């Protein structure tokens, strides 16, 4: 049978509201801040619930994060992931990620997320704010701050040249699986970010593949598809060449628009090693 989500956007709304209620009843919590698709108005039946749980200073180490989250709904899975975040799966298959941090340094850091996190409605994102500090910090994130295009484009151009050269060396060594991973997890996101800069579509900057089909012209989506492949040697080599060809077009377009020089002697050498 095809997968059908048990949850819905309405279920997420209800879970957020329950998170608000149980947070108010938890004396160890000083603040709770939502982030992600719900705060952007993009949540649907497949969305996660993501939040920062700011625990009173000195109490974070003893705070039972799993026990707190389990008050939201029964859990099928709960563990601390590779980034130190409490990751859970609820009984309706909705995922959740909860950062448990001390309130003092954690809340102080929120304003520094400007340019990386966007909270268009800070009042809705802040579920608990006992001290008033979290609301003030969240309001610093209300305005979307796009990346500075010129310097960012130059950085991405250098990154794409460097990583694609590495891809060429890896494939020349015969490491097909490693080349496949490098192409899809390192090069492609930077390529999409440069494409988004050029098209003026940076709303999903930190996850540049998100809503790709809706955000970018069909021609760019098709070029991106040409850089994807299975981990078979001939396909990886072909996708690597297609990726570099598209990167070269994006690099030259960015260079003309923002007036920076490309490493002209390096680019054809990368083309050669990919052969």
Protein backbone atom coordinates (compact mmCIF):
# COMPACT_ATOMS: atom_id res chain seq x y z
CA UNK A 1 0.00 0.00 0.00
CA UNK A 2 1.27 3.51 -0.72
CA UNK A 3 2.33 5.59 2.28
CA UNK A 4 -0.27 8.03 3.50
CA UNK A 5 0.66 10.36 6.35
CA UNK A 6 -1.33 9.80 9.51
CA UNK A 7 -0.69 13.35 10.59
CA UNK A 8 -1.87 16.52 8.85
CA UNK A 9 -1.12 20.22 8.97
CA UNK A 10 -4.05 20.50 11.39
CA UNK A 11 -2.44 17.80 13.54
CA UNK A 12 0.75 19.84 13.58
CA UNK A 13 -1.20 22.90 14.66
CA UNK A 14 -2.72 20.90 17.52
CA UNK A 15 0.68 19.56 18.53
CA UNK A 16 2.15 23.05 18.58
CA UNK A 17 -0.69 24.22 20.76
CA UNK A 18 -0.19 21.29 23.13
CA UNK A 19 3.53 22.10 23.25
CA UNK A 20 2.58 25.61 24.32
CA UNK A 21 0.38 24.26 27.14
CA UNK A 22 2.81 21.71 28.54
CA UNK A 23 5.64 24.28 28.34
CA UNK A 24 3.67 26.69 30.48
CA UNK A 25 3.20 23.88 33.02
CA UNK A 26 6.90 22.97 33.12
CA UNK A 27 8.67 25.10 35.77
CA UNK A 28 12.16 24.24 34.51
CA UNK A 29 11.52 25.89 31.15
CA UNK A 30 12.28 29.58 30.71
CA UNK A 31 11.44 29.76 26.99
CA UNK A 32 10.37 27.71 23.97
CA UNK A 33 10.97 28.78 20.38
CA UNK A 34 9.65 27.08 17.26
CA UNK A 35 11.50 27.21 13.95
CA UNK A 36 11.15 25.57 10.56
CA UNK A 37 8.25 25.19 8.14
CA UNK A 38 5.47 25.85 10.68
CA UNK A 39 6.86 29.30 11.48
CA UNK A 40 7.14 30.08 7.74
CA UNK A 41 3.56 29.10 6.99
CA UNK A 42 4.76 26.20 4.81
CA UNK A 43 3.83 23.25 7.02
CA UNK A 44 1.89 20.33 5.59
CA UNK A 45 1.10 16.73 6.50
CA UNK A 46 4.75 15.72 6.08
CA UNK A 47 6.30 18.48 8.19
CA UNK A 48 8.31 18.09 11.40
CA UNK A 49 7.91 19.96 14.66
CA UNK A 50 11.15 21.69 15.56
CA UNK A 51 11.82 23.73 18.68
CA UNK A 52 14.39 25.07 21.11
CA UNK A 53 13.69 24.27 24.75
CA UNK A 54 15.50 26.85 26.89
CA UNK A 55 15.91 25.41 30.38
CA UNK A 56 16.57 27.51 33.46
CA UNK A 57 20.28 28.14 33.96
CA UNK A 58 21.96 25.34 35.87
CA UNK A 59 19.10 22.89 35.23
CA UNK A 60 19.70 21.77 31.63
CA UNK A 61 21.85 18.76 32.47
CA UNK A 62 19.16 17.25 34.67
CA UNK A 63 16.23 18.13 32.41
CA UNK A 64 14.45 15.04 31.06
CA UNK A 65 13.95 16.10 27.46
CA UNK A 66 12.54 12.78 26.33
CA UNK A 67 10.08 12.67 29.20
CA UNK A 68 8.93 16.20 28.42
CA UNK A 69 8.46 15.54 24.70
CA UNK A 70 6.63 12.29 25.43
CA UNK A 71 3.93 14.42 27.04
CA UNK A 72 3.14 15.71 23.55
CA UNK A 73 2.29 12.25 22.15
CA UNK A 74 3.52 8.65 22.43
CA UNK A 75 6.94 8.08 20.87
CA UNK A 76 8.11 5.33 18.53
CA UNK A 77 11.72 6.56 18.62
CA UNK A 78 13.76 9.01 20.68
CA UNK A 79 17.53 9.50 20.65
CA UNK A 80 20.22 12.18 20.64
CA UNK A 81 21.34 12.60 17.05
CA UNK A 82 24.81 13.35 15.66
CA UNK A 83 24.32 17.08 16.25
CA UNK A 84 23.39 16.66 19.90
CA UNK A 85 19.68 17.30 19.22
CA UNK A 86 16.87 15.23 20.70
CA UNK A 87 15.26 13.60 17.64
CA UNK A 88 11.94 11.80 18.00
CA UNK A 89 9.30 10.02 15.96
CA UNK A 90 5.75 10.25 17.30
CA UNK A 91 3.19 7.48 17.03
CA UNK A 92 1.61 9.13 13.96
CA UNK A 93 5.04 9.19 12.21
CA UNK A 94 5.48 12.94 12.65
CA UNK A 95 9.14 13.71 13.30
CA UNK A 96 10.41 16.15 15.88
CA UNK A 97 13.71 17.84 16.73
CA UNK A 98 14.23 19.52 20.09
CA UNK A 99 17.33 21.45 21.13
CA UNK A 100 17.70 21.48 24.91
CA UNK A 101 19.85 24.42 26.01
CA UNK A 102 20.45 26.63 29.02
CA UNK A 103 18.35 29.75 28.83
CA UNK A 104 21.04 32.35 29.46
CA UNK A 105 23.53 31.60 26.67
CA UNK A 106 20.91 29.98 24.44
CA UNK A 107 18.54 32.93 24.31
CA UNK A 108 21.44 35.37 23.99
CA UNK A 109 22.53 33.56 20.83
CA UNK A 110 19.14 33.80 19.09
CA UNK A 111 19.58 37.35 17.78
CA UNK A 112 22.82 36.19 16.14
CA UNK A 113 20.83 33.88 13.87
CA UNK A 114 19.91 36.88 11.73
CA UNK A 115 20.45 35.95 8.09
CA UNK A 116 20.26 32.23 8.87
CA UNK A 117 16.81 31.90 10.49
CA UNK A 118 13.68 33.80 9.47
CA UNK A 119 10.70 34.13 11.82
CA UNK A 120 8.13 36.25 9.96
CA UNK A 121 5.74 36.05 12.95
CA UNK A 122 7.91 36.04 16.10
CA UNK A 123 4.84 36.10 18.32
CA UNK A 124 3.67 32.77 16.91
CA UNK A 125 7.14 31.22 17.05
CA UNK A 126 7.68 32.05 20.73
CA UNK A 127 5.55 29.59 22.70
CA UNK A 128 6.94 30.48 26.12
CA UNK A 129 8.87 33.51 27.34
CA UNK A 130 8.96 33.88 31.09
CA UNK A 131 11.64 36.58 31.15
CA UNK A 132 10.77 38.57 28.01
CA UNK A 133 14.26 38.00 26.61
CA UNK A 134 13.27 35.39 24.05
CA UNK A 135 10.56 37.52 22.44
CA UNK A 136 12.97 40.43 22.09
CA UNK A 137 15.59 38.19 20.49
CA UNK A 138 13.06 36.57 18.14
CA UNK A 139 11.91 39.97 16.88
CA UNK A 140 15.43 40.46 15.49
CA UNK A 141 14.63 37.61 13.07
CA UNK A 142 11.33 38.97 11.78
CA UNK A 143 12.85 40.54 8.66
CA UNK A 144 14.21 38.19 6.01
CA UNK A 145 17.87 39.00 5.33
CA UNK A 146 19.00 37.59 1.97
CA UNK A 147 22.69 36.73 1.50
CA UNK A 148 24.88 39.52 0.17
CA UNK A 149 25.04 38.52 -3.49
CA UNK A 150 28.47 39.64 -4.72
CA UNK A 151 30.68 38.23 -1.97
CA UNK A 152 28.50 35.14 -1.63
CA UNK A 153 28.63 34.41 -5.35
CA UNK A 154 32.41 34.73 -5.37
CA UNK A 155 32.69 32.38 -2.39
CA UNK A 156 30.44 29.83 -4.08
CA UNK A 157 32.39 30.09 -7.32
CA UNK A 158 35.63 29.27 -5.50
CA UNK A 159 33.94 26.45 -3.58
CA UNK A 160 32.55 24.88 -6.74
CA UNK A 161 35.92 24.98 -8.47
CA UNK A 162 37.70 23.49 -5.46
CA UNK A 163 35.20 20.70 -4.76
CA UNK A 164 34.76 19.78 -8.42
CA UNK A 165 38.52 19.43 -8.76
CA UNK A 166 38.42 17.09 -5.75
CA UNK A 167 35.62 15.18 -7.47
CA UNK A 168 37.84 14.80 -10.53
CA UNK A 169 40.72 13.43 -8.45
CA UNK A 170 38.41 11.04 -6.59
CA UNK A 171 36.98 9.65 -9.83
CA UNK A 172 40.45 9.39 -11.38
CA UNK A 173 41.38 7.22 -8.39
CA UNK A 174 38.40 5.00 -9.15
CA UNK A 175 36.36 5.85 -6.02
CA UNK A 176 32.96 5.90 -7.65
CA UNK A 177 30.83 5.75 -4.48
CA UNK A 178 32.82 8.56 -2.87
CA UNK A 179 32.50 10.64 -6.02
CA UNK A 180 28.76 10.02 -6.08
CA UNK A 181 28.43 11.23 -2.48
CA UNK A 182 30.61 14.28 -3.12
CA UNK A 183 28.60 15.25 -6.18
CA UNK A 184 25.22 15.05 -4.46
CA UNK A 185 25.93 16.16 -0.88
CA UNK A 186 28.63 18.83 -1.31
CA UNK A 187 28.63 20.19 -4.84
CA UNK A 188 24.90 20.16 -5.64
CA UNK A 189 23.80 22.32 -2.65
CA UNK A 190 26.39 24.99 -3.48
CA UNK A 191 25.39 24.87 -7.13
CA UNK A 192 21.76 25.38 -6.21
CA UNK A 193 22.64 28.26 -3.91
CA UNK A 194 24.52 30.01 -6.71
CA UNK A 195 21.58 29.39 -9.05
CA UNK A 196 19.19 30.83 -6.44
CA UNK A 197 21.36 33.95 -6.10
CA UNK A 198 21.29 34.49 -9.84
CA UNK A 199 17.51 33.97 -10.05
CA UNK A 200 16.74 36.12 -7.01
CA UNK A 201 15.13 33.18 -5.21
CA UNK A 202 16.85 32.91 -1.82
CA UNK A 203 13.91 32.28 0.51
CA UNK A 204 14.99 28.63 0.93
CA UNK A 205 18.67 29.48 1.09
CA UNK A 206 19.76 27.10 3.85
CA UNK A 207 18.03 24.12 2.22
CA UNK A 208 18.41 25.06 -1.44
CA UNK A 209 16.69 21.95 -2.78
CA UNK A 210 13.52 22.74 -0.82
CA UNK A 211 10.59 23.69 -3.10
CA UNK A 212 13.07 23.61 -5.98
CA UNK A 213 10.43 22.86 -8.60
CA UNK A 214 8.33 25.82 -7.46
CA UNK A 215 11.16 28.30 -6.85
CA UNK A 216 13.37 27.95 -9.93
CA UNK A 217 12.68 28.05 -13.68
CA UNK A 218 12.01 24.72 -15.37
CA UNK A 219 15.28 24.99 -17.30
CA UNK A 220 17.32 25.16 -14.09
CA UNK A 221 15.40 22.26 -12.58
CA UNK A 222 16.18 20.20 -15.65
CA UNK A 223 19.88 21.13 -15.50
CA UNK A 224 19.95 20.06 -11.86
CA UNK A 225 18.35 16.72 -12.76
CA UNK A 226 21.13 16.17 -15.27
CA UNK A 227 23.66 16.30 -12.41
CA UNK A 228 21.98 13.45 -10.51
CA UNK A 229 22.59 9.76 -11.06
CA UNK A 230 22.88 6.28 -9.61
CA UNK A 231 26.23 5.25 -8.13
CA UNK A 232 27.37 3.48 -11.31
CA UNK A 233 30.70 4.53 -12.76
CA UNK A 234 29.55 5.63 -16.22
CA UNK A 235 26.58 7.53 -14.76
CA UNK A 236 28.65 9.26 -12.09
CA UNK A 237 31.25 10.35 -14.62
CA UNK A 238 28.55 11.64 -16.96
CA UNK A 239 26.75 13.48 -14.16
CA UNK A 240 30.04 14.98 -12.97
CA UNK A 241 30.72 16.41 -16.43
CA UNK A 242 27.15 17.73 -16.70
CA UNK A 243 27.46 19.26 -13.24
CA UNK A 244 30.69 21.05 -14.10
CA UNK A 245 29.28 22.29 -17.40
CA UNK A 246 26.32 23.83 -15.55
CA UNK A 247 28.62 25.19 -12.83
CA UNK A 248 30.73 26.85 -15.51
CA UNK A 249 27.69 28.59 -16.96
CA UNK A 250 26.58 29.76 -13.52
CA UNK A 251 30.10 30.93 -12.63
CA UNK A 252 30.47 32.96 -15.80
CA UNK A 253 27.03 34.52 -15.36
CA UNK A 254 27.82 35.43 -11.75
CA UNK A 255 31.22 36.81 -12.72
CA UNK A 256 29.67 39.13 -15.28
CA UNK A 257 26.88 40.27 -12.97
CA UNK A 258 28.94 40.96 -9.85
CA UNK A 259 32.27 41.81 -11.43
CA UNK A 260 34.70 39.31 -9.97
CA UNK A 261 37.41 37.35 -11.73
CA UNK A 262 37.29 33.59 -12.14
CA UNK A 263 40.39 31.36 -11.83
CA UNK A 264 40.59 31.25 -15.62
CA UNK A 265 43.53 28.85 -15.94
CA UNK A 266 42.02 26.38 -13.47
CA UNK A 267 38.60 25.97 -15.05
CA UNK A 268 39.70 24.20 -18.26
CA UNK A 269 42.01 21.97 -16.23
CA UNK A 270 39.05 20.80 -14.17
CA UNK A 271 37.21 20.08 -17.41
CA UNK A 272 40.17 18.01 -18.55
CA UNK A 273 40.50 15.93 -15.37
CA UNK A 274 36.79 15.12 -15.49
CA UNK A 275 37.34 13.49 -18.89
